[in-house]
PDB file of N, CA and C in Angstrom:
ATOM      1  N   MET A   1       0.841  -1.184   0.000  1.00  0.00           N
ATOM      2  CA  MET A   1       0.000   0.000   0.000  1.00  0.00           C
ATOM      3  C   MET A   1       0.884   1.244   0.000  1.00  0.00           C
ATOM      4  N   ASN A   2       0.616   2.175  -0.862  1.00  0.00           N
ATOM      5  CA  ASN A   2       1.393   3.411  -0.950  1.00  0.00           C
ATOM      6  C   ASN A   2       0.883   4.423   0.057  1.00  0.00           C
ATOM      7  N   THR A   3       1.796   4.933   0.865  1.00  0.00           N
ATOM      8  CA  THR A   3       1.454   5.922   1.868  1.00  0.00           C
ATOM      9  C   THR A   3       2.007   7.270   1.415  1.00  0.00           C
ATOM     10  N   LEU A   4       1.231   8.306   1.608  1.00  0.00           N
ATOM     11  CA  LEU A   4       1.662   9.654   1.253  1.00  0.00           C
ATOM     12  C   LEU A   4       2.594  10.200   2.329  1.00  0.00           C
ATOM     13  N   HIS A   5       3.729  10.754   1.903  1.00  0.00           N
ATOM     14  CA  HIS A   5       4.703  11.358   2.809  1.00  0.00           C
ATOM     15  C   HIS A   5       5.021  12.756   2.297  1.00  0.00           C
ATOM     16  N   ASN A   6       5.638  13.567   3.154  1.00  0.00           N
ATOM     17  CA  ASN A   6       6.028  14.912   2.768  1.00  0.00           C
ATOM     18  C   ASN A   6       7.481  15.131   3.165  1.00  0.00           C
ATOM     19  N   LEU A   7       8.274  15.641   2.251  1.00  0.00           N
ATOM     20  CA  LEU A   7       9.696  15.870   2.478  1.00  0.00           C
ATOM     21  C   LEU A   7       9.953  16.819   3.649  1.00  0.00           C
ATOM     22  N   PHE A   8       8.998  17.698   3.936  1.00  0.00           N
ATOM     23  CA  PHE A   8       9.164  18.703   4.980  1.00  0.00           C
ATOM     24  C   PHE A   8       8.617  18.273   6.343  1.00  0.00           C
ATOM     25  N   ASP A   9       8.092  17.059   6.445  1.00  0.00           N
ATOM     26  CA  ASP A   9       7.597  16.556   7.732  1.00  0.00           C
ATOM     27  C   ASP A   9       8.764  16.180   8.641  1.00  0.00           C
ATOM     28  N   ASN A  10       8.559  16.355   9.935  1.00  0.00           N
ATOM     29  CA  ASN A  10       9.501  15.911  10.973  1.00  0.00           C
ATOM     30  C   ASN A  10      10.904  16.488  10.812  1.00  0.00           C
ATOM     31  N   LEU A  11      10.973  17.768  10.500  1.00  0.00           N
ATOM     32  CA  LEU A  11      12.287  18.423  10.400  1.00  0.00           C
ATOM     33  C   LEU A  11      12.802  18.743  11.796  1.00  0.00           C
ATOM     34  N   PRO A  12      14.068  18.485  12.050  1.00  0.00           N
ATOM     35  CA  PRO A  12      14.615  18.851  13.365  1.00  0.00           C
ATOM     36  C   PRO A  12      14.763  20.365  13.455  1.00  0.00           C
ATOM     37  N   ALA A  13      14.419  20.934  14.578  1.00  0.00           N
ATOM     38  CA  ALA A  13      14.586  22.377  14.793  1.00  0.00           C
ATOM     39  C   ALA A  13      16.072  22.707  14.870  1.00  0.00           C
ATOM     40  N   HIS A  14      16.809  21.900  15.592  1.00  0.00           N
ATOM     41  CA  HIS A  14      18.260  22.030  15.654  1.00  0.00           C
ATOM     42  C   HIS A  14      18.812  20.696  16.129  1.00  0.00           C
ATOM     43  N   SER A  15      19.955  20.345  15.598  1.00  0.00           N
ATOM     44  CA  SER A  15      20.625  19.117  15.984  1.00  0.00           C
ATOM     45  C   SER A  15      22.117  19.362  15.934  1.00  0.00           C
ATOM     46  N   ASP A  16      22.862  18.633  16.739  1.00  0.00           N
ATOM     47  CA  ASP A  16      24.314  18.737  16.701  1.00  0.00           C
ATOM     48  C   ASP A  16      24.893  18.013  15.479  1.00  0.00           C
ATOM     49  N   PHE A  17      24.055  17.192  14.834  1.00  0.00           N
ATOM     50  CA  PHE A  17      24.495  16.400  13.707  1.00  0.00           C
ATOM     51  C   PHE A  17      23.501  16.532  12.558  1.00  0.00           C
ATOM     52  N   GLU A  18      23.973  16.304  11.350  1.00  0.00           N
ATOM     53  CA  GLU A  18      23.050  16.221  10.224  1.00  0.00           C
ATOM     54  C   GLU A  18      22.158  15.009  10.436  1.00  0.00           C
ATOM     55  N   VAL A  19      20.929  15.098   9.942  1.00  0.00           N
ATOM     56  CA  VAL A  19      19.976  14.008  10.093  1.00  0.00           C
ATOM     57  C   VAL A  19      19.750  13.381   8.718  1.00  0.00           C
ATOM     58  N   PHE A  20      20.086  12.096   8.601  1.00  0.00           N
ATOM     59  CA  PHE A  20      19.959  11.343   7.356  1.00  0.00           C
ATOM     60  C   PHE A  20      18.760  10.408   7.465  1.00  0.00           C
ATOM     61  N   THR A  21      17.849  10.500   6.494  1.00  0.00           N
ATOM     62  CA  THR A  21      16.649   9.654   6.496  1.00  0.00           C
ATOM     63  C   THR A  21      16.499   8.999   5.129  1.00  0.00           C
ATOM     64  N   ASP A  22      16.499   7.672   5.102  1.00  0.00           N
ATOM     65  CA  ASP A  22      16.233   6.972   3.851  1.00  0.00           C
ATOM     66  C   ASP A  22      14.759   7.124   3.495  1.00  0.00           C
ATOM     67  N   LEU A  23      14.494   7.595   2.286  1.00  0.00           N
ATOM     68  CA  LEU A  23      13.131   7.744   1.804  1.00  0.00           C
ATOM     69  C   LEU A  23      12.709   6.558   0.944  1.00  0.00           C
ATOM     70  N   LEU A  24      13.680   5.987   0.234  1.00  0.00           N
ATOM     71  CA  LEU A  24      13.413   4.844  -0.637  1.00  0.00           C
ATOM     72  C   LEU A  24      14.702   4.069  -0.801  1.00  0.00           C
ATOM     73  N   ARG A  25      14.595   2.754  -0.717  1.00  0.00           N
ATOM     74  CA  ARG A  25      15.758   1.891  -0.901  1.00  0.00           C
ATOM     75  C   ARG A  25      15.339   0.707  -1.764  1.00  0.00           C
ATOM     76  N   ARG A  26      16.066   0.548  -2.856  1.00  0.00           N
ATOM     77  CA  ARG A  26      15.862  -0.563  -3.782  1.00  0.00           C
ATOM     78  C   ARG A  26      17.244  -1.077  -4.180  1.00  0.00           C
ATOM     79  N   PRO A  27      17.328  -2.282  -4.712  1.00  0.00           N
ATOM     80  CA  PRO A  27      18.644  -2.764  -5.151  1.00  0.00           C
ATOM     81  C   PRO A  27      19.285  -1.763  -6.128  1.00  0.00           C
ATOM     82  N   GLY A  28      20.462  -1.279  -5.786  1.00  0.00           N
ATOM     83  CA  GLY A  28      21.193  -0.343  -6.624  1.00  0.00           C
ATOM     84  C   GLY A  28      20.756   1.103  -6.535  1.00  0.00           C
ATOM     85  N   LEU A  29      19.768   1.400  -5.670  1.00  0.00           N
ATOM     86  CA  LEU A  29      19.240   2.766  -5.577  1.00  0.00           C
ATOM     87  C   LEU A  29      18.869   3.096  -4.137  1.00  0.00           C
ATOM     88  N   ARG A  30      19.278   4.276  -3.711  1.00  0.00           N
ATOM     89  CA  ARG A  30      18.864   4.767  -2.388  1.00  0.00           C
ATOM     90  C   ARG A  30      18.600   6.251  -2.507  1.00  0.00           C
ATOM     91  N   ILE A  31      17.451   6.691  -2.009  1.00  0.00           N
ATOM     92  CA  ILE A  31      17.089   8.110  -1.977  1.00  0.00           C
ATOM     93  C   ILE A  31      16.998   8.509  -0.517  1.00  0.00           C
ATOM     94  N   GLU A  32      17.719   9.572  -0.167  1.00  0.00           N
ATOM     95  CA  GLU A  32      17.716   9.998   1.229  1.00  0.00           C
ATOM     96  C   GLU A  32      17.514  11.499   1.335  1.00  0.00           C
ATOM     97  N   ARG A  33      16.930  11.880   2.459  1.00  0.00           N
ATOM     98  CA  ARG A  33      16.816  13.288   2.817  1.00  0.00           C
ATOM     99  C   ARG A  33      17.894  13.564   3.852  1.00  0.00           C
ATOM    100  N   ILE A  34      18.605  14.676   3.655  1.00  0.00           N
ATOM    101  CA  ILE A  34      19.626  15.099   4.613  1.00  0.00           C
ATOM    102  C   ILE A  34      19.224  16.486   5.102  1.00  0.00           C
ATOM    103  N   VAL A  35      19.124  16.640   6.415  1.00  0.00           N
ATOM    104  CA  VAL A  35      18.772  17.923   7.007  1.00  0.00           C
ATOM    105  C   VAL A  35      19.972  18.433   7.788  1.00  0.00           C
ATOM    106  N   SER A  36      20.408  19.641   7.432  1.00  0.00           N
ATOM    107  CA  SER A  36      21.553  20.273   8.090  1.00  0.00           C
ATOM    108  C   SER A  36      21.045  21.463   8.899  1.00  0.00           C
ATOM    109  N   THR A  37      21.648  21.673  10.040  1.00  0.00           N
ATOM    110  CA  THR A  37      21.338  22.870  10.823  1.00  0.00           C
ATOM    111  C   THR A  37      22.658  23.535  11.205  1.00  0.00           C
ATOM    112  N   GLY A  38      23.383  23.972  10.161  1.00  0.00           N
ATOM    113  CA  GLY A  38      24.650  24.657  10.376  1.00  0.00           C
ATOM    114  C   GLY A  38      25.869  23.756  10.321  1.00  0.00           C
ATOM    115  N   GLN A  39      25.688  22.463  10.039  1.00  0.00           N
ATOM    116  CA  GLN A  39      26.832  21.556  10.024  1.00  0.00           C
ATOM    117  C   GLN A  39      27.643  21.682   8.739  1.00  0.00           C
ATOM    118  N   CYS A  40      28.876  21.211   8.837  1.00  0.00           N
ATOM    119  CA  CYS A  40      29.753  21.098   7.677  1.00  0.00           C
ATOM    120  C   CYS A  40      30.633  19.873   7.912  1.00  0.00           C
ATOM    121  N   SER A  41      31.391  19.513   6.901  1.00  0.00           N
ATOM    122  CA  SER A  41      32.302  18.373   7.043  1.00  0.00           C
ATOM    123  C   SER A  41      33.438  18.739   7.994  1.00  0.00           C
ATOM    124  N   PRO A  42      33.922  17.773   8.768  1.00  0.00           N
ATOM    125  CA  PRO A  42      35.056  18.046   9.653  1.00  0.00           C
ATOM    126  C   PRO A  42      36.288  18.476   8.844  1.00  0.00           C
ATOM    127  N   PRO A  43      37.192  19.224   9.458  1.00  0.00           N
ATOM    128  CA  PRO A  43      38.409  19.643   8.755  1.00  0.00           C
ATOM    129  C   PRO A  43      39.149  18.430   8.174  1.00  0.00           C
ATOM    130  N   ASP A  44      39.629  18.570   6.966  1.00  0.00           N
ATOM    131  CA  ASP A  44      40.403  17.529   6.273  1.00  0.00           C
ATOM    132  C   ASP A  44      39.612  16.246   5.986  1.00  0.00           C
ATOM    133  N   PHE A  45      38.285  16.270   6.138  1.00  0.00           N
ATOM    134  CA  PHE A  45      37.463  15.100   5.814  1.00  0.00           C
ATOM    135  C   PHE A  45      36.897  15.244   4.409  1.00  0.00           C
ATOM    136  N   TRP A  46      36.941  14.173   3.637  1.00  0.00           N
ATOM    137  CA  TRP A  46      36.369  14.150   2.295  1.00  0.00           C
ATOM    138  C   TRP A  46      35.498  12.904   2.152  1.00  0.00           C
ATOM    139  N   TYR A  47      34.283  13.096   1.646  1.00  0.00           N
ATOM    140  CA  TYR A  47      33.463  11.943   1.275  1.00  0.00           C
ATOM    141  C   TYR A  47      34.114  11.296   0.054  1.00  0.00           C
ATOM    142  N   ASP A  48      34.152   9.982   0.034  1.00  0.00           N
ATOM    143  CA  ASP A  48      34.683   9.214  -1.095  1.00  0.00           C
ATOM    144  C   ASP A  48      33.784   7.991  -1.219  1.00  0.00           C
ATOM    145  N   GLN A  49      32.723   8.127  -1.972  1.00  0.00           N
ATOM    146  CA  GLN A  49      31.664   7.119  -2.018  1.00  0.00           C
ATOM    147  C   GLN A  49      31.854   6.166  -3.191  1.00  0.00           C
ATOM    148  N   PRO A  50      31.488   4.902  -2.995  1.00  0.00           N
ATOM    149  CA  PRO A  50      31.703   3.899  -4.038  1.00  0.00           C
ATOM    150  C   PRO A  50      30.757   4.025  -5.244  1.00  0.00           C
ATOM    151  N   GLY A  51      29.624   4.703  -5.067  1.00  0.00           N
ATOM    152  CA  GLY A  51      28.659   4.829  -6.161  1.00  0.00           C
ATOM    153  C   GLY A  51      28.428   6.275  -6.555  1.00  0.00           C
ATOM    154  N   ASP A  52      27.757   6.463  -7.688  1.00  0.00           N
ATOM    155  CA  ASP A  52      27.399   7.808  -8.135  1.00  0.00           C
ATOM    156  C   ASP A  52      26.301   8.378  -7.242  1.00  0.00           C
ATOM    157  N   GLU A  53      26.266   9.709  -7.148  1.00  0.00           N
ATOM    158  CA  GLU A  53      25.259  10.393  -6.353  1.00  0.00           C
ATOM    159  C   GLU A  53      24.778  11.619  -7.125  1.00  0.00           C
ATOM    160  N   TRP A  54      23.487  11.866  -7.044  1.00  0.00           N
ATOM    161  CA  TRP A  54      22.887  13.090  -7.577  1.00  0.00           C
ATOM    162  C   TRP A  54      22.269  13.776  -6.375  1.00  0.00           C
ATOM    163  N   VAL A  55      22.630  15.049  -6.162  1.00  0.00           N
ATOM    164  CA  VAL A  55      22.151  15.744  -4.962  1.00  0.00           C
ATOM    165  C   VAL A  55      21.514  17.076  -5.347  1.00  0.00           C
ATOM    166  N   LEU A  56      20.382  17.361  -4.707  1.00  0.00           N
ATOM    167  CA  LEU A  56      19.612  18.582  -4.919  1.00  0.00           C
ATOM    168  C   LEU A  56      19.488  19.296  -3.581  1.00  0.00           C
ATOM    169  N   LEU A  57      19.808  20.580  -3.561  1.00  0.00           N
ATOM    170  CA  LEU A  57      19.556  21.379  -2.366  1.00  0.00           C
ATOM    171  C   LEU A  57      18.135  21.916  -2.497  1.00  0.00           C
ATOM    172  N   VAL A  58      17.229  21.353  -1.737  1.00  0.00           N
ATOM    173  CA  VAL A  58      15.808  21.692  -1.820  1.00  0.00           C
ATOM    174  C   VAL A  58      15.533  23.035  -1.169  1.00  0.00           C
ATOM    175  N   GLN A  59      16.207  23.281  -0.043  1.00  0.00           N
ATOM    176  CA  GLN A  59      15.956  24.485   0.757  1.00  0.00           C
ATOM    177  C   GLN A  59      17.262  24.918   1.392  1.00  0.00           C
ATOM    178  N   GLY A  60      17.466  26.223   1.531  1.00  0.00           N
ATOM    179  CA  GLY A  60      18.627  26.740   2.234  1.00  0.00           C
ATOM    180  C   GLY A  60      19.781  27.075   1.308  1.00  0.00           C
ATOM    181  N   GLU A  61      20.948  27.238   1.915  1.00  0.00           N
ATOM    182  CA  GLU A  61      22.187  27.527   1.183  1.00  0.00           C
ATOM    183  C   GLU A  61      23.309  26.694   1.773  1.00  0.00           C
ATOM    184  N   ALA A  62      24.276  26.356   0.915  1.00  0.00           N
ATOM    185  CA  ALA A  62      25.416  25.562   1.356  1.00  0.00           C
ATOM    186  C   ALA A  62      26.565  25.758   0.376  1.00  0.00           C
ATOM    187  N   CYS A  63      27.727  25.312   0.782  1.00  0.00           N
ATOM    188  CA  CYS A  63      28.891  25.327  -0.102  1.00  0.00           C
ATOM    189  C   CYS A  63      29.415  23.905  -0.201  1.00  0.00           C
ATOM    190  N   LEU A  64      29.440  23.386  -1.416  1.00  0.00           N
ATOM    191  CA  LEU A  64      29.933  22.048  -1.705  1.00  0.00           C
ATOM    192  C   LEU A  64      31.278  22.194  -2.404  1.00  0.00           C
ATOM    193  N   ARG A  65      32.274  21.482  -1.918  1.00  0.00           N
ATOM    194  CA  ARG A  65      33.614  21.603  -2.505  1.00  0.00           C
ATOM    195  C   ARG A  65      34.107  20.242  -2.946  1.00  0.00           C
ATOM    196  N   PHE A  66      34.751  20.220  -4.091  1.00  0.00           N
ATOM    197  CA  PHE A  66      35.350  19.004  -4.623  1.00  0.00           C
ATOM    198  C   PHE A  66      36.860  19.104  -4.474  1.00  0.00           C
ATOM    199  N   ALA A  67      37.504  17.982  -4.184  1.00  0.00           N
ATOM    200  CA  ALA A  67      38.953  17.965  -3.967  1.00  0.00           C
ATOM    201  C   ALA A  67      39.709  18.388  -5.216  1.00  0.00           C
ATOM    202  N   ASP A  68      39.119  18.169  -6.396  1.00  0.00           N
ATOM    203  CA  ASP A  68      39.816  18.503  -7.639  1.00  0.00           C
ATOM    204  C   ASP A  68      39.469  19.899  -8.161  1.00  0.00           C
ATOM    205  N   GLU A  69      38.804  20.711  -7.340  1.00  0.00           N
ATOM    206  CA  GLU A  69      38.489  22.087  -7.716  1.00  0.00           C
ATOM    207  C   GLU A  69      39.022  23.031  -6.644  1.00  0.00           C
ATOM    208  N   LYS A  70      39.519  24.182  -7.079  1.00  0.00           N
ATOM    209  CA  LYS A  70      40.104  25.149  -6.139  1.00  0.00           C
ATOM    210  C   LYS A  70      39.051  25.764  -5.222  1.00  0.00           C
ATOM    211  N   ASP A  71      37.910  26.150  -5.794  1.00  0.00           N
ATOM    212  CA  ASP A  71      36.874  26.853  -5.028  1.00  0.00           C
ATOM    213  C   ASP A  71      35.645  25.977  -4.826  1.00  0.00           C
ATOM    214  N   GLY A  72      34.945  26.258  -3.727  1.00  0.00           N
ATOM    215  CA  GLY A  72      33.693  25.577  -3.465  1.00  0.00           C
ATOM    216  C   GLY A  72      32.578  26.130  -4.338  1.00  0.00           C
ATOM    217  N   ARG A  73      31.511  25.377  -4.434  1.00  0.00           N
ATOM    218  CA  ARG A  73      30.336  25.796  -5.199  1.00  0.00           C
ATOM    219  C   ARG A  73      29.246  26.257  -4.227  1.00  0.00           C
ATOM    220  N   HIS A  74      28.863  27.508  -4.348  1.00  0.00           N
ATOM    221  CA  HIS A  74      27.810  28.079  -3.500  1.00  0.00           C
ATOM    222  C   HIS A  74      26.468  27.616  -4.059  1.00  0.00           C
ATOM    223  N   LEU A  75      25.787  26.766  -3.305  1.00  0.00           N
ATOM    224  CA  LEU A  75      24.496  26.227  -3.732  1.00  0.00           C
ATOM    225  C   LEU A  75      23.361  26.959  -3.046  1.00  0.00           C
ATOM    226  N   ARG A  76      22.332  27.209  -3.817  1.00  0.00           N
ATOM    227  CA  ARG A  76      21.090  27.788  -3.295  1.00  0.00           C
ATOM    228  C   ARG A  76      19.955  26.821  -3.598  1.00  0.00           C
ATOM    229  N   ALA A  77      18.822  27.040  -2.974  1.00  0.00           N
ATOM    230  CA  ALA A  77      17.663  26.159  -3.177  1.00  0.00           C
ATOM    231  C   ALA A  77      17.418  25.962  -4.673  1.00  0.00           C
ATOM    232  N   GLY A  78      17.274  24.712  -5.065  1.00  0.00           N
ATOM    233  CA  GLY A  78      17.023  24.361  -6.456  1.00  0.00           C
ATOM    234  C   GLY A  78      18.258  23.921  -7.210  1.00  0.00           C
ATOM    235  N   ASP A  79      19.459  24.205  -6.683  1.00  0.00           N
ATOM    236  CA  ASP A  79      20.689  23.792  -7.354  1.00  0.00           C
ATOM    237  C   ASP A  79      20.929  22.304  -7.136  1.00  0.00           C
ATOM    238  N   PHE A  80      21.414  21.638  -8.186  1.00  0.00           N
ATOM    239  CA  PHE A  80      21.730  20.215  -8.069  1.00  0.00           C
ATOM    240  C   PHE A  80      23.006  19.908  -8.823  1.00  0.00           C
ATOM    241  N   VAL A  81      23.624  18.790  -8.443  1.00  0.00           N
ATOM    242  CA  VAL A  81      24.890  18.388  -9.045  1.00  0.00           C
ATOM    243  C   VAL A  81      25.007  16.869  -8.998  1.00  0.00           C
ATOM    244  N   GLU A  82      25.640  16.323 -10.020  1.00  0.00           N
ATOM    245  CA  GLU A  82      25.948  14.899 -10.028  1.00  0.00           C
ATOM    246  C   GLU A  82      27.371  14.720  -9.522  1.00  0.00           C
ATOM    247  N   ILE A  83      27.554  13.749  -8.639  1.00  0.00           N
ATOM    248  CA  ILE A  83      28.866  13.470  -8.061  1.00  0.00           C
ATOM    249  C   ILE A  83      29.231  12.045  -8.455  1.00  0.00           C
ATOM    250  N   GLY A  84      30.256  11.920  -9.261  1.00  0.00           N
ATOM    251  CA  GLY A  84      30.681  10.599  -9.715  1.00  0.00           C
ATOM    252  C   GLY A  84      31.276   9.774  -8.585  1.00  0.00           C
ATOM    253  N   ALA A  85      31.247   8.467  -8.769  1.00  0.00           N
ATOM    254  CA  ALA A  85      31.816   7.544  -7.785  1.00  0.00           C
ATOM    255  C   ALA A  85      33.266   7.927  -7.507  1.00  0.00           C
ATOM    256  N   HIS A  86      33.624   7.927  -6.246  1.00  0.00           N
ATOM    257  CA  HIS A  86      34.974   8.217  -5.750  1.00  0.00           C
ATOM    258  C   HIS A  86      35.459   9.641  -6.049  1.00  0.00           C
ATOM    259  N   ARG A  87      34.540  10.540  -6.414  1.00  0.00           N
ATOM    260  CA  ARG A  87      34.943  11.940  -6.554  1.00  0.00           C
ATOM    261  C   ARG A  87      34.871  12.560  -5.160  1.00  0.00           C
ATOM    262  N   ARG A  88      36.015  12.863  -4.618  1.00  0.00           N
ATOM    263  CA  ARG A  88      36.081  13.350  -3.238  1.00  0.00           C
ATOM    264  C   ARG A  88      35.435  14.725  -3.133  1.00  0.00           C
ATOM    265  N   HIS A  89      34.584  14.865  -2.115  1.00  0.00           N
ATOM    266  CA  HIS A  89      33.853  16.118  -1.915  1.00  0.00           C
ATOM    267  C   HIS A  89      33.567  16.312  -0.435  1.00  0.00           C
ATOM    268  N   ARG A  90      33.193  17.539  -0.106  1.00  0.00           N
ATOM    269  CA  ARG A  90      32.895  17.873   1.288  1.00  0.00           C
ATOM    270  C   ARG A  90      31.921  19.038   1.317  1.00  0.00           C
ATOM    271  N   VAL A  91      31.251  19.209   2.449  1.00  0.00           N
ATOM    272  CA  VAL A  91      30.377  20.362   2.675  1.00  0.00           C
ATOM    273  C   VAL A  91      31.192  21.373   3.466  1.00  0.00           C
ATOM    274  N   GLU A  92      31.506  22.503   2.824  1.00  0.00           N
ATOM    275  CA  GLU A  92      32.304  23.542   3.475  1.00  0.00           C
ATOM    276  C   GLU A  92      31.497  24.266   4.546  1.00  0.00           C
ATOM    277  N   TRP A  93      30.233  24.558   4.241  1.00  0.00           N
ATOM    278  CA  TRP A  93      29.353  25.207   5.216  1.00  0.00           C
ATOM    279  C   TRP A  93      27.896  25.049   4.790  1.00  0.00           C
ATOM    280  N   THR A  94      27.020  25.149   5.761  1.00  0.00           N
ATOM    281  CA  THR A  94      25.580  25.279   5.512  1.00  0.00           C
ATOM    282  C   THR A  94      25.118  26.519   6.261  1.00  0.00           C
ATOM    283  N   HIS A  95      24.130  27.171   5.725  1.00  0.00           N
ATOM    284  CA  HIS A  95      23.664  28.430   6.305  1.00  0.00           C
ATOM    285  C   HIS A  95      23.082  28.167   7.692  1.00  0.00           C
ATOM    286  N   PRO A  96      23.650  28.792   8.734  1.00  0.00           N
ATOM    287  CA  PRO A  96      23.213  28.504  10.097  1.00  0.00           C
ATOM    288  C   PRO A  96      21.831  29.053  10.460  1.00  0.00           C
ATOM    289  N   ALA A  97      21.353  30.053   9.733  1.00  0.00           N
ATOM    290  CA  ALA A  97      20.046  30.645  10.065  1.00  0.00           C
ATOM    291  C   ALA A  97      18.919  30.008   9.253  1.00  0.00           C
ATOM    292  N   GLN A  98      19.244  29.012   8.453  1.00  0.00           N
ATOM    293  CA  GLN A  98      18.245  28.309   7.653  1.00  0.00           C
ATOM    294  C   GLN A  98      18.303  26.830   8.016  1.00  0.00           C
ATOM    295  N   VAL A  99      17.400  26.065   7.458  1.00  0.00           N
ATOM    296  CA  VAL A  99      17.444  24.615   7.621  1.00  0.00           C
ATOM    297  C   VAL A  99      17.646  24.022   6.225  1.00  0.00           C
ATOM    298  N   PRO A 100      18.908  23.874   5.814  1.00  0.00           N
ATOM    299  CA  PRO A 100      19.144  23.282   4.502  1.00  0.00           C
ATOM    300  C   PRO A 100      18.640  21.841   4.435  1.00  0.00           C
ATOM    301  N   ILE A 101      17.921  21.551   3.368  1.00  0.00           N
ATOM    302  CA  ILE A 101      17.401  20.205   3.125  1.00  0.00           C
ATOM    303  C   ILE A 101      17.968  19.733   1.793  1.00  0.00           C
ATOM    304  N   TRP A 102      18.602  18.590   1.822  1.00  0.00           N
ATOM    305  CA  TRP A 102      19.186  17.969   0.638  1.00  0.00           C
ATOM    306  C   TRP A 102      18.364  16.743   0.258  1.00  0.00           C
ATOM    307  N   LEU A 103      18.244  16.492  -1.020  1.00  0.00           N
ATOM    308  CA  LEU A 103      17.676  15.247  -1.519  1.00  0.00           C
ATOM    309  C   LEU A 103      18.797  14.576  -2.289  1.00  0.00           C
ATOM    310  N   ALA A 104      19.244  13.421  -1.813  1.00  0.00           N
ATOM    311  CA  ALA A 104      20.360  12.724  -2.429  1.00  0.00           C
ATOM    312  C   ALA A 104      19.895  11.399  -3.004  1.00  0.00           C
ATOM    313  N   ILE A 105      20.261  11.161  -4.243  1.00  0.00           N
ATOM    314  CA  ILE A 105      19.948   9.899  -4.900  1.00  0.00           C
ATOM    315  C   ILE A 105      21.278   9.183  -5.131  1.00  0.00           C
ATOM    316  N   HIS A 106      21.417   8.028  -4.490  1.00  0.00           N
ATOM    317  CA  HIS A 106      22.632   7.236  -4.586  1.00  0.00           C
ATOM    318  C   HIS A 106      22.391   6.062  -5.525  1.00  0.00           C
ATOM    319  N   MET A 107      23.245   5.938  -6.526  1.00  0.00           N
ATOM    320  CA  MET A 107      23.181   4.807  -7.435  1.00  0.00           C
ATOM    321  C   MET A 107      24.338   3.880  -7.070  1.00  0.00           C
ATOM    322  N   GLU A 108      23.985   2.838  -6.357  1.00  0.00           N
ATOM    323  CA  GLU A 108      25.015   1.958  -5.758  1.00  0.00           C
ATOM    324  C   GLU A 108      25.267   0.725  -6.592  1.00  0.00           C
TER     325      GLU A 108
END
């Protein structure tokens, strides 16, 4: 039975950590919502994921940086980017006065 859900339901007001919620999981595919409340990647930390990822910033502002690029990319609501497998990246900052919401599609 299909149940109706809303991406904006159950948002944390503030958390010390980003909140990751799987919205859909199928063989080779995972869709997750990521809610940030001012978090960023730890210093010198880079994500290095085994599969491709497509990420959309639904709400808020953030800076996404790739190890092979000099400058970070300032993302605003509606911006999206594809991240190839093993392309090292990090979140430089998320806007602390907003609640950035990411929609990430992982092709594993």
